[in-house]
Every structure is written in structure tokens, then in C-alpha cells.
C-alpha atoms as a PDB file:
ATOM      1  CA  UNK A   1      37.916 166.498 128.296  1.00  0.00           C
ATOM      2  CA  UNK A   2      39.500 163.170 129.000  1.00  0.00           C
ATOM      3  CA  UNK A   3      36.394 162.890 131.468  1.00  0.00           C
ATOM      4  CA  UNK A   4      33.945 163.069 128.614  1.00  0.00           C
ATOM      5  CA  UNK A   5      35.817 160.974 126.300  1.00  0.00           C
ATOM      6  CA  UNK A   6      36.221 157.967 129.106  1.00  0.00           C
ATOM      7  CA  UNK A   7      32.110 158.551 129.988  1.00  0.00           C
ATOM      8  CA  UNK A   8      31.075 157.486 126.236  1.00  0.00           C
ATOM      9  CA  UNK A   9      31.139 153.918 126.493  1.00  0.00           C
ATOM     10  CA  UNK A  10      29.199 153.810 129.930  1.00  0.00           C
ATOM     11  CA  UNK A  11      26.529 156.320 128.079  1.00  0.00           C
ATOM     12  CA  UNK A  12      26.321 154.057 124.822  1.00  0.00           C
ATOM     13  CA  UNK A  13      25.727 151.086 127.333  1.00  0.00           C
ATOM     14  CA  UNK A  14      22.598 153.048 128.563  1.00  0.00           C
ATOM     15  CA  UNK A  15      21.443 154.002 125.203  1.00  0.00           C
ATOM     16  CA  UNK A  16      21.783 150.123 123.626  1.00  0.00           C
ATOM     17  CA  UNK A  17      19.827 148.750 126.877  1.00  0.00           C
ATOM     18  CA  UNK A  18      17.087 151.410 126.802  1.00  0.00           C
ATOM     19  CA  UNK A  19      16.811 150.656 123.159  1.00  0.00           C
ATOM     20  CA  UNK A  20      16.363 146.954 124.025  1.00  0.00           C
ATOM     21  CA  UNK A  21      13.854 147.705 126.385  1.00  0.00           C
ATOM     22  CA  UNK A  22      11.421 149.496 124.204  1.00  0.00           C
ATOM     23  CA  UNK A  23      11.979 147.186 121.786  1.00  0.00           C
ATOM     24  CA  UNK A  24      11.133 143.940 123.975  1.00  0.00           C
ATOM     25  CA  UNK A  25       8.428 145.785 126.019  1.00  0.00           C
ATOM     26  CA  UNK A  26       6.694 146.693 122.361  1.00  0.00           C
ATOM     27  CA  UNK A  27       6.473 142.808 121.585  1.00  0.00           C
ATOM     28  CA  UNK A  28       4.889 141.664 124.750  1.00  0.00           C
ATOM     29  CA  UNK A  29       2.731 144.206 124.434  1.00  0.00           C
ATOM     30  CA  UNK A  30       1.445 143.051 120.995  1.00  0.00           C
ATOM     31  CA  UNK A  31       2.531 145.298 118.595  1.00  0.00           C
ATOM     32  CA  UNK A  32       3.234 144.670 114.890  1.00  0.00           C
ATOM     33  CA  UNK A  33       6.862 143.432 115.590  1.00  0.00           C
ATOM     34  CA  UNK A  34       7.073 139.881 115.900  1.00  0.00           C
ATOM     35  CA  UNK A  35       9.209 136.744 115.292  1.00  0.00           C
ATOM     36  CA  UNK A  36       7.910 134.574 112.577  1.00  0.00           C
ATOM     37  CA  UNK A  37       9.894 130.824 113.393  1.00  0.00           C
ATOM     38  CA  UNK A  38       9.707 128.684 110.132  1.00  0.00           C
ATOM     39  CA  UNK A  39       9.905 125.220 109.811  1.00  0.00           C
ATOM     40  CA  UNK A  40      13.821 124.250 109.479  1.00  0.00           C
ATOM     41  CA  UNK A  41      15.138 127.854 109.917  1.00  0.00           C
ATOM     42  CA  UNK A  42      16.108 129.548 112.867  1.00  0.00           C
ATOM     43  CA  UNK A  43      14.559 132.889 113.782  1.00  0.00           C
ATOM     44  CA  UNK A  44      13.803 135.216 111.295  1.00  0.00           C
ATOM     45  CA  UNK A  45      13.694 139.197 112.061  1.00  0.00           C
ATOM     46  CA  UNK A  46       9.871 139.947 110.480  1.00  0.00           C
ATOM     47  CA  UNK A  47       9.627 143.870 111.741  1.00  0.00           C
ATOM     48  CA  UNK A  48      12.197 146.520 110.522  1.00  0.00           C
ATOM     49  CA  UNK A  49      12.161 147.926 114.095  1.00  0.00           C
ATOM     50  CA  UNK A  50      13.989 145.390 115.642  1.00  0.00           C
ATOM     51  CA  UNK A  51      16.372 145.154 113.153  1.00  0.00           C
ATOM     52  CA  UNK A  52      16.676 149.193 113.115  1.00  0.00           C
ATOM     53  CA  UNK A  53      17.426 148.742 117.140  1.00  0.00           C
ATOM     54  CA  UNK A  54      20.025 146.372 116.623  1.00  0.00           C
ATOM     55  CA  UNK A  55      21.828 148.322 114.253  1.00  0.00           C
ATOM     56  CA  UNK A  56      21.401 152.121 116.130  1.00  0.00           C
ATOM     57  CA  UNK A  57      22.970 150.273 118.887  1.00  0.00           C
ATOM     58  CA  UNK A  58      25.698 148.536 117.668  1.00  0.00           C
ATOM     59  CA  UNK A  59      26.414 151.705 115.781  1.00  0.00           C
ATOM     60  CA  UNK A  60      26.749 153.678 119.074  1.00  0.00           C
ATOM     61  CA  UNK A  61      28.371 151.162 120.809  1.00  0.00           C
ATOM     62  CA  UNK A  62      31.257 151.184 117.811  1.00  0.00           C
ATOM     63  CA  UNK A  63      31.348 155.300 118.030  1.00  0.00           C
ATOM     64  CA  UNK A  64      31.735 154.692 121.700  1.00  0.00           C
ATOM     65  CA  UNK A  65      35.120 152.614 120.971  1.00  0.00           C
ATOM     66  CA  UNK A  66      38.242 154.539 121.290  1.00  0.00           C
ATOM     67  CA  UNK A  67      40.354 155.255 118.074  1.00  0.00           C
ATOM     68  CA  UNK A  68      43.716 156.164 117.731  1.00  0.00           C
ATOM     69  CA  UNK A  69      42.651 158.546 114.887  1.00  0.00           C
ATOM     70  CA  UNK A  70      39.768 159.974 116.666  1.00  0.00           C
ATOM     71  CA  UNK A  71      42.063 160.680 120.059  1.00  0.00           C
ATOM     72  CA  UNK A  72      44.488 161.957 117.780  1.00  0.00           C
ATOM     73  CA  UNK A  73      41.854 164.813 116.818  1.00  0.00           C
ATOM     74  CA  UNK A  74      40.631 165.834 120.307  1.00  0.00           C
ATOM     75  CA  UNK A  75      44.436 167.669 121.405  1.00  0.00           C
ATOM     76  CA  UNK A  76      46.674 166.857 124.281  1.00  0.00           C
ATOM     77  CA  UNK A  77      44.452 166.780 126.773  1.00  0.00           C
ATOM     78  CA  UNK A  78      43.003 163.412 125.394  1.00  0.00           C
ATOM     79  CA  UNK A  79      46.103 162.202 124.312  1.00  0.00           C
ATOM     80  CA  UNK A  80      47.067 158.746 125.791  1.00  0.00           C
ATOM     81  CA  UNK A  81      49.468 158.559 128.753  1.00  0.00           C
ATOM     82  CA  UNK A  82      53.175 158.950 128.551  1.00  0.00           C
ATOM     83  CA  UNK A  83      55.038 156.142 127.927  1.00  0.00           C
ATOM     84  CA  UNK A  84      58.628 154.592 128.292  1.00  0.00           C
ATOM     85  CA  UNK A  85      59.343 154.578 124.667  1.00  0.00           C
ATOM     86  CA  UNK A  86      57.419 157.004 122.253  1.00  0.00           C
ATOM     87  CA  UNK A  87      55.074 155.151 119.892  1.00  0.00           C
ATOM     88  CA  UNK A  88      54.593 157.237 116.760  1.00  0.00           C
ATOM     89  CA  UNK A  89      51.356 158.763 116.007  1.00  0.00           C
ATOM     90  CA  UNK A  90      49.438 157.046 112.953  1.00  0.00           C
ATOM     91  CA  UNK A  91      48.288 160.449 111.631  1.00  0.00           C
ATOM     92  CA  UNK A  92      50.751 161.150 108.872  1.00  0.00           C
ATOM     93  CA  UNK A  93      51.452 164.486 110.822  1.00  0.00           C
ATOM     94  CA  UNK A  94      54.959 165.670 109.332  1.00  0.00           C
ATOM     95  CA  UNK A  95      57.231 166.998 112.172  1.00  0.00           C
ATOM     96  CA  UNK A  96      56.700 170.747 112.789  1.00  0.00           C
ATOM     97  CA  UNK A  97      60.303 171.412 112.049  1.00  0.00           C
ATOM     98  CA  UNK A  98      60.584 169.409 109.019  1.00  0.00           C
ATOM     99  CA  UNK A  99      57.307 171.113 107.714  1.00  0.00           C
ATOM    100  CA  UNK A 100      58.904 174.180 107.952  1.00  0.00           C
ATOM    101  CA  UNK A 101      62.203 173.607 107.324  1.00  0.00           C
ATOM    102  CA  UNK A 102      63.462 174.653 110.607  1.00  0.00           C
ATOM    103  CA  UNK A 103      65.068 171.429 111.105  1.00  0.00           C
ATOM    104  CA  UNK A 104      67.373 171.951 108.690  1.00  0.00           C
ATOM    105  CA  UNK A 105      69.848 174.271 110.710  1.00  0.00           C
ATOM    106  CA  UNK A 106      69.612 171.926 113.514  1.00  0.00           C
ATOM    107  CA  UNK A 107      70.988 168.708 110.998  1.00  0.00           C
ATOM    108  CA  UNK A 108      73.411 171.309 109.296  1.00  0.00           C
ATOM    109  CA  UNK A 109      74.969 172.030 113.064  1.00  0.00           C
ATOM    110  CA  UNK A 110      75.294 168.721 114.884  1.00  0.00           C
ATOM    111  CA  UNK A 111      78.033 166.517 114.852  1.00  0.00           C
ATOM    112  CA  UNK A 112      78.107 162.993 115.544  1.00  0.00           C
ATOM    113  CA  UNK A 113      81.100 162.306 118.130  1.00  0.00           C
ATOM    114  CA  UNK A 114      82.708 158.696 119.042  1.00  0.00           C
ATOM    115  CA  UNK A 115      81.858 156.384 119.628  1.00  0.00           C
ATOM    116  CA  UNK A 116      84.194 155.401 122.458  1.00  0.00           C
ATOM    117  CA  UNK A 117      84.238 151.542 123.946  1.00  0.00           C
ATOM    118  CA  UNK A 118      85.010 151.778 127.702  1.00  0.00           C
ATOM    119  CA  UNK A 119      86.947 148.344 127.155  1.00  0.00           C
ATOM    120  CA  UNK A 120      88.995 147.699 124.016  1.00  0.00           C
ATOM    121  CA  UNK A 121      88.655 143.728 124.606  1.00  0.00           C
ATOM    122  CA  UNK A 122      86.019 142.053 126.416  1.00  0.00           C
ATOM    123  CA  UNK A 123      85.544 138.241 127.256  1.00  0.00           C
ATOM    124  CA  UNK A 124      82.718 136.577 125.563  1.00  0.00           C
ATOM    125  CA  UNK A 125      79.410 137.557 128.068  1.00  0.00           C
ATOM    126  CA  UNK A 126      80.330 140.570 129.358  1.00  0.00           C
ATOM    127  CA  UNK A 127      78.893 144.189 128.510  1.00  0.00           C
ATOM    128  CA  UNK A 128      80.804 146.901 126.846  1.00  0.00           C
ATOM    129  CA  UNK A 129      79.222 150.037 127.054  1.00  0.00           C
ATOM    130  CA  UNK A 130      80.128 153.014 124.202  1.00  0.00           C
ATOM    131  CA  UNK A 131      79.433 156.544 124.776  1.00  0.00           C
ATOM    132  CA  UNK A 132      78.792 159.037 121.703  1.00  0.00           C
ATOM    133  CA  UNK A 133      77.518 162.259 121.480  1.00  0.00           C
ATOM    134  CA  UNK A 134      75.457 165.433 119.190  1.00  0.00           C
ATOM    135  CA  UNK A 135      77.659 168.273 119.525  1.00  0.00           C
ATOM    136  CA  UNK A 136      76.370 171.632 118.550  1.00  0.00           C
ATOM    137  CA  UNK A 137      79.608 172.645 116.130  1.00  0.00           C
ATOM    138  CA  UNK A 138      77.602 176.103 115.024  1.00  0.00           C
ATOM    139  CA  UNK A 139      78.526 179.358 116.518  1.00  0.00           C
ATOM    140  CA  UNK A 140      74.822 180.432 117.652  1.00  0.00           C
ATOM    141  CA  UNK A 141      72.699 178.620 119.929  1.00  0.00           C
ATOM    142  CA  UNK A 142      69.841 175.826 118.382  1.00  0.00           C
ATOM    143  CA  UNK A 143      66.144 176.484 119.788  1.00  0.00           C
ATOM    144  CA  UNK A 144      65.204 172.852 118.817  1.00  0.00           C
ATOM    145  CA  UNK A 145      61.329 173.140 117.605  1.00  0.00           C
ATOM    146  CA  UNK A 146      58.704 170.762 119.092  1.00  0.00           C
ATOM    147  CA  UNK A 147      57.810 167.355 117.082  1.00  0.00           C
ATOM    148  CA  UNK A 148      54.242 166.328 117.162  1.00  0.00           C
ATOM    149  CA  UNK A 149      54.868 162.690 115.647  1.00  0.00           C
ATOM    150  CA  UNK A 150      54.385 161.238 118.930  1.00  0.00           C
ATOM    151  CA  UNK A 151      52.098 159.808 121.428  1.00  0.00           C
ATOM    152  CA  UNK A 152      53.362 162.924 123.228  1.00  0.00           C
ATOM    153  CA  UNK A 153      55.421 166.430 122.425  1.00  0.00           C
ATOM    154  CA  UNK A 154      59.375 166.273 122.195  1.00  0.00           C
ATOM    155  CA  UNK A 155      62.076 168.565 121.143  1.00  0.00           C
ATOM    156  CA  UNK A 156      64.197 166.199 119.067  1.00  0.00           C
ATOM    157  CA  UNK A 157      67.651 166.670 117.139  1.00  0.00           C
ATOM    158  CA  UNK A 158      67.335 163.783 115.625  1.00  0.00           C
ATOM    159  CA  UNK A 159      67.093 159.796 115.805  1.00  0.00           C
ATOM    160  CA  UNK A 160      70.066 157.219 116.535  1.00  0.00           C
ATOM    161  CA  UNK A 161      70.278 153.692 114.837  1.00  0.00           C
ATOM    162  CA  UNK A 162      72.780 151.132 115.888  1.00  0.00           C
ATOM    163  CA  UNK A 163      74.588 148.344 114.414  1.00  0.00           C
ATOM    164  CA  UNK A 164      77.515 145.858 115.445  1.00  0.00           C
ATOM    165  CA  UNK A 165      79.582 143.781 112.973  1.00  0.00           C
ATOM    166  CA  UNK A 166      81.256 140.844 113.348  1.00  0.00           C
ATOM    167  CA  UNK A 167      84.731 141.092 110.964  1.00  0.00           C
ATOM    168  CA  UNK A 168      86.009 138.484 108.972  1.00  0.00           C
ATOM    169  CA  UNK A 169      85.023 135.576 107.116  1.00  0.00           C
ATOM    170  CA  UNK A 170      81.769 134.613 108.991  1.00  0.00           C
ATOM    171  CA  UNK A 171      79.449 137.351 109.868  1.00  0.00           C
ATOM    172  CA  UNK A 172      77.351 135.567 112.299  1.00  0.00           C
ATOM    173  CA  UNK A 173      76.848 136.298 115.608  1.00  0.00           C
ATOM    174  CA  UNK A 174      75.086 132.612 117.689  1.00  0.00           C
ATOM    175  CA  UNK A 175      74.380 135.058 120.227  1.00  0.00           C
ATOM    176  CA  UNK A 176      72.132 137.252 118.486  1.00  0.00           C
ATOM    177  CA  UNK A 177      68.461 135.968 117.584  1.00  0.00           C
ATOM    178  CA  UNK A 178      67.533 135.127 113.798  1.00  0.00           C
ATOM    179  CA  UNK A 179      65.079 137.421 114.082  1.00  0.00           C
ATOM    180  CA  UNK A 180      66.791 140.885 114.497  1.00  0.00           C
ATOM    181  CA  UNK A 181      67.152 142.882 111.108  1.00  0.00           C
ATOM    182  CA  UNK A 182      70.275 142.651 109.704  1.00  0.00           C
ATOM    183  CA  UNK A 183      71.770 144.818 107.041  1.00  0.00           C
ATOM    184  CA  UNK A 184      74.645 143.081 104.624  1.00  0.00           C
ATOM    185  CA  UNK A 185      77.007 141.793 107.970  1.00  0.00           C
ATOM    186  CA  UNK A 186      75.408 144.096 110.254  1.00  0.00           C
ATOM    187  CA  UNK A 187      72.594 143.357 113.104  1.00  0.00           C
ATOM    188  CA  UNK A 188      70.527 146.035 114.602  1.00  0.00           C
ATOM    189  CA  UNK A 189      71.729 146.856 118.098  1.00  0.00           C
ATOM    190  CA  UNK A 190      68.850 148.905 118.712  1.00  0.00           C
ATOM    191  CA  UNK A 191      68.080 153.092 118.592  1.00  0.00           C
ATOM    192  CA  UNK A 192      66.540 156.092 120.123  1.00  0.00           C
ATOM    193  CA  UNK A 193      65.177 159.318 119.469  1.00  0.00           C
ATOM    194  CA  UNK A 194      67.357 162.685 120.920  1.00  0.00           C
ATOM    195  CA  UNK A 195      65.095 164.242 123.001  1.00  0.00           C
ATOM    196  CA  UNK A 196      66.941 167.373 124.514  1.00  0.00           C
ATOM    197  CA  UNK A 197      64.273 168.182 126.900  1.00  0.00           C
ATOM    198  CA  UNK A 198      65.032 165.051 128.507  1.00  0.00           C
ATOM    199  CA  UNK A 199      68.798 164.627 128.455  1.00  0.00           C
ATOM    200  CA  UNK A 200      69.513 168.463 129.312  1.00  0.00           C
ATOM    201  CA  UNK A 201      66.419 169.384 130.829  1.00  0.00           C
ATOM    202  CA  UNK A 202      66.151 172.339 128.119  1.00  0.00           C
ATOM    203  CA  UNK A 203      64.906 173.160 124.578  1.00  0.00           C
ATOM    204  CA  UNK A 204      68.228 175.053 123.470  1.00  0.00           C
ATOM    205  CA  UNK A 205      71.719 173.856 122.270  1.00  0.00           C
ATOM    206  CA  UNK A 206      74.009 176.214 122.828  1.00  0.00           C
ATOM    207  CA  UNK A 207      77.358 176.542 121.022  1.00  0.00           C
ATOM    208  CA  UNK A 208      79.618 173.475 121.432  1.00  0.00           C
ATOM    209  CA  UNK A 209      77.098 171.805 123.847  1.00  0.00           C
ATOM    210  CA  UNK A 210      76.378 168.689 123.855  1.00  0.00           C
ATOM    211  CA  UNK A 211      73.664 165.800 124.164  1.00  0.00           C
ATOM    212  CA  UNK A 212      75.560 162.694 125.458  1.00  0.00           C
ATOM    213  CA  UNK A 213      74.275 159.077 125.119  1.00  0.00           C
ATOM    214  CA  UNK A 214      75.503 155.829 125.386  1.00  0.00           C
ATOM    215  CA  UNK A 215      74.617 151.850 125.097  1.00  0.00           C
ATOM    216  CA  UNK A 216      75.066 148.632 126.810  1.00  0.00           C
ATOM    217  CA  UNK A 217      75.745 145.880 124.439  1.00  0.00           C
ATOM    218  CA  UNK A 218      75.789 142.427 125.838  1.00  0.00           C
ATOM    219  CA  UNK A 219      78.058 139.735 124.280  1.00  0.00           C
ATOM    220  CA  UNK A 220      76.498 136.687 125.151  1.00  0.00           C
ATOM    221  CA  UNK A 221      77.895 133.864 122.518  1.00  0.00           C
ATOM    222  CA  UNK A 222      79.585 136.603 120.574  1.00  0.00           C
ATOM    223  CA  UNK A 223      82.426 134.156 119.287  1.00  0.00           C
ATOM    224  CA  UNK A 224      86.413 135.630 119.586  1.00  0.00           C
ATOM    225  CA  UNK A 225      87.350 137.659 117.243  1.00  0.00           C
ATOM    226  CA  UNK A 226      87.005 141.434 116.127  1.00  0.00           C
ATOM    227  CA  UNK A 227      83.648 143.402 115.786  1.00  0.00           C
ATOM    228  CA  UNK A 228      82.483 146.701 114.674  1.00  0.00           C
ATOM    229  CA  UNK A 229      80.055 148.843 116.715  1.00  0.00           C
ATOM    230  CA  UNK A 230      78.517 151.543 114.255  1.00  0.00           C
ATOM    231  CA  UNK A 231      76.458 154.358 114.996  1.00  0.00           C
ATOM    232  CA  UNK A 232      74.454 156.484 112.719  1.00  0.00           C
ATOM    233  CA  UNK A 233      72.977 159.879 113.033  1.00  0.00           C
ATOM    234  CA  UNK A 234      69.431 160.153 111.207  1.00  0.00           C
ATOM    235  CA  UNK A 235      66.476 162.785 110.562  1.00  0.00           C
ATOM    236  CA  UNK A 236      63.641 161.964 112.263  1.00  0.00           C
ATOM    237  CA  UNK A 237      62.349 160.794 108.848  1.00  0.00           C
ATOM    238  CA  UNK A 238      65.031 158.043 108.555  1.00  0.00           C
ATOM    239  CA  UNK A 239      68.071 159.776 106.279  1.00  0.00           C
ATOM    240  CA  UNK A 240      71.153 158.862 107.250  1.00  0.00           C
ATOM    241  CA  UNK A 241      73.054 162.462 108.519  1.00  0.00           C
ATOM    242  CA  UNK A 242      76.528 160.487 109.629  1.00  0.00           C
ATOM    243  CA  UNK A 243      77.778 157.925 110.425  1.00  0.00           C
ATOM    244  CA  UNK A 244      80.755 156.674 112.457  1.00  0.00           C
ATOM    245  CA  UNK A 245      81.925 153.044 114.351  1.00  0.00           C
ATOM    246  CA  UNK A 246      84.564 151.705 116.805  1.00  0.00           C
ATOM    247  CA  UNK A 247      86.080 148.418 116.496  1.00  0.00           C
ATOM    248  CA  UNK A 248      86.588 146.231 119.879  1.00  0.00           C
ATOM    249  CA  UNK A 249      87.609 142.394 120.227  1.00  0.00           C
ATOM    250  CA  UNK A 250      86.102 139.576 122.305  1.00  0.00           C
ATOM    251  CA  UNK A 251      88.497 136.986 123.430  1.00  0.00           C
END
């Protein structure tokens, strides 16, 4: 399917060239297709044949251009190559687990624990690492359904959103670009999809088993003071399920 799909542009180009050749030969041979030049105006197509040929050629060429929505309908064999970060598919397809309610027990069983900082106090410019985890607190093994909302199927237990906040009267952090999204006094500090087959190499979670996660945060150009690092556990649709935080100091 992928090979045939990639061949469409070459076939389309051949068809366009063939149509152009037929039209040209018709003109050269004295057929009814003519170009009439009017004084003061450019060339106008007098016959409908050339216009039709150009239209058909353009249509075939347009059809040969890959479209995300067309690729999405061709099945897994024609999907985009895996990327480092998963790009959402613009098909509006709901997550498989959320469509049938299979994600409800996953969200109910998992508990966000942490974050813990590897240092309580850092010098401005140092990197501080935060560790946190999603733990199965149910008494049964969880089977995580497949999610097809991204560029390739994943077995997700949810998503993570991180924030960092400068405490005190001035919440501005000069080391963070003004283009970064803010929520109140907090700056967005990235996020991730919690994909268990990439982290654990399987699609199930046993009782008390954890999905470990971590994030390194640079404090370059952070003024001295106290800060709060916030972690949110969210559904794939963006609903916040749990939130936890830890404070640290920059000196």
C-alpha cells in the first residue's frame, strides 16, 4: 500500500505530460484548437479542449498530493513514519479507551506520587531533576487499551503537564521566554504522554506497579528565591485528574 501510494505523483505527472502532448499535437496539426491573440490583451484560450486538459491535469496533480486525512484512511501500513514526539492525528477520532469507557478503571486506579527533587537548594544556572510516578493502587492487574489518536498507536495511561512557579510578590522568571504559556503565576514546563509499552515494555500494570517519569529543569537566569514545581496527571482529553507539587530554592 505504501509503495503504491508513493507512486501516485509519478503516475500523475505522466498523465499530465500525455494530455499536454495531445493538445500540442492537435494545435500543430491544424485542428480546431486555436489560440487567439487580441490587441492589447494576452493570449486567450479559444477552444474548450485546452482548458479542459489543463483542468484535468491540475485535478490529477492535486489528487497526487498527500493529504493527512487521506493518509489516515489508508490504514496502518500507510501511516507516517514514527517520530520522536507523537503528533496528534487531525481526524478527530476519539481515544479507543475513552470511546468505550475502558479508560475509566485506569484513571480510577492510578495515583500520582511525587514529585521529588534531587536537590532542595540549587545555584542559579544548575539543573534540578524531579522524579514522579503513576502507581496502580487497584488490587487487580490493569490492561491498558490501545489509543489511536496519535501518529501511531500507543498504550497510554494518560498525559502529564508540568508547571514551574516563582513564589513571592514577583512571579516573573527572566530565564523563561515570554512566549511560554502561563497559567496565573505558573509557567508551562513541558509535558508528555505516559506510554507504558515504551516505558515498561508491556501493556499491563500489576497491582502496586509504577510508571516512572522524570524531568530535568534548568534554572538558568532564575532569580534567588523559592519556587514550586507542579505536576498534573490528566486524561488524554485534557481533564486534570490529580495534581502534586514540591518546592525548591535557588540561591
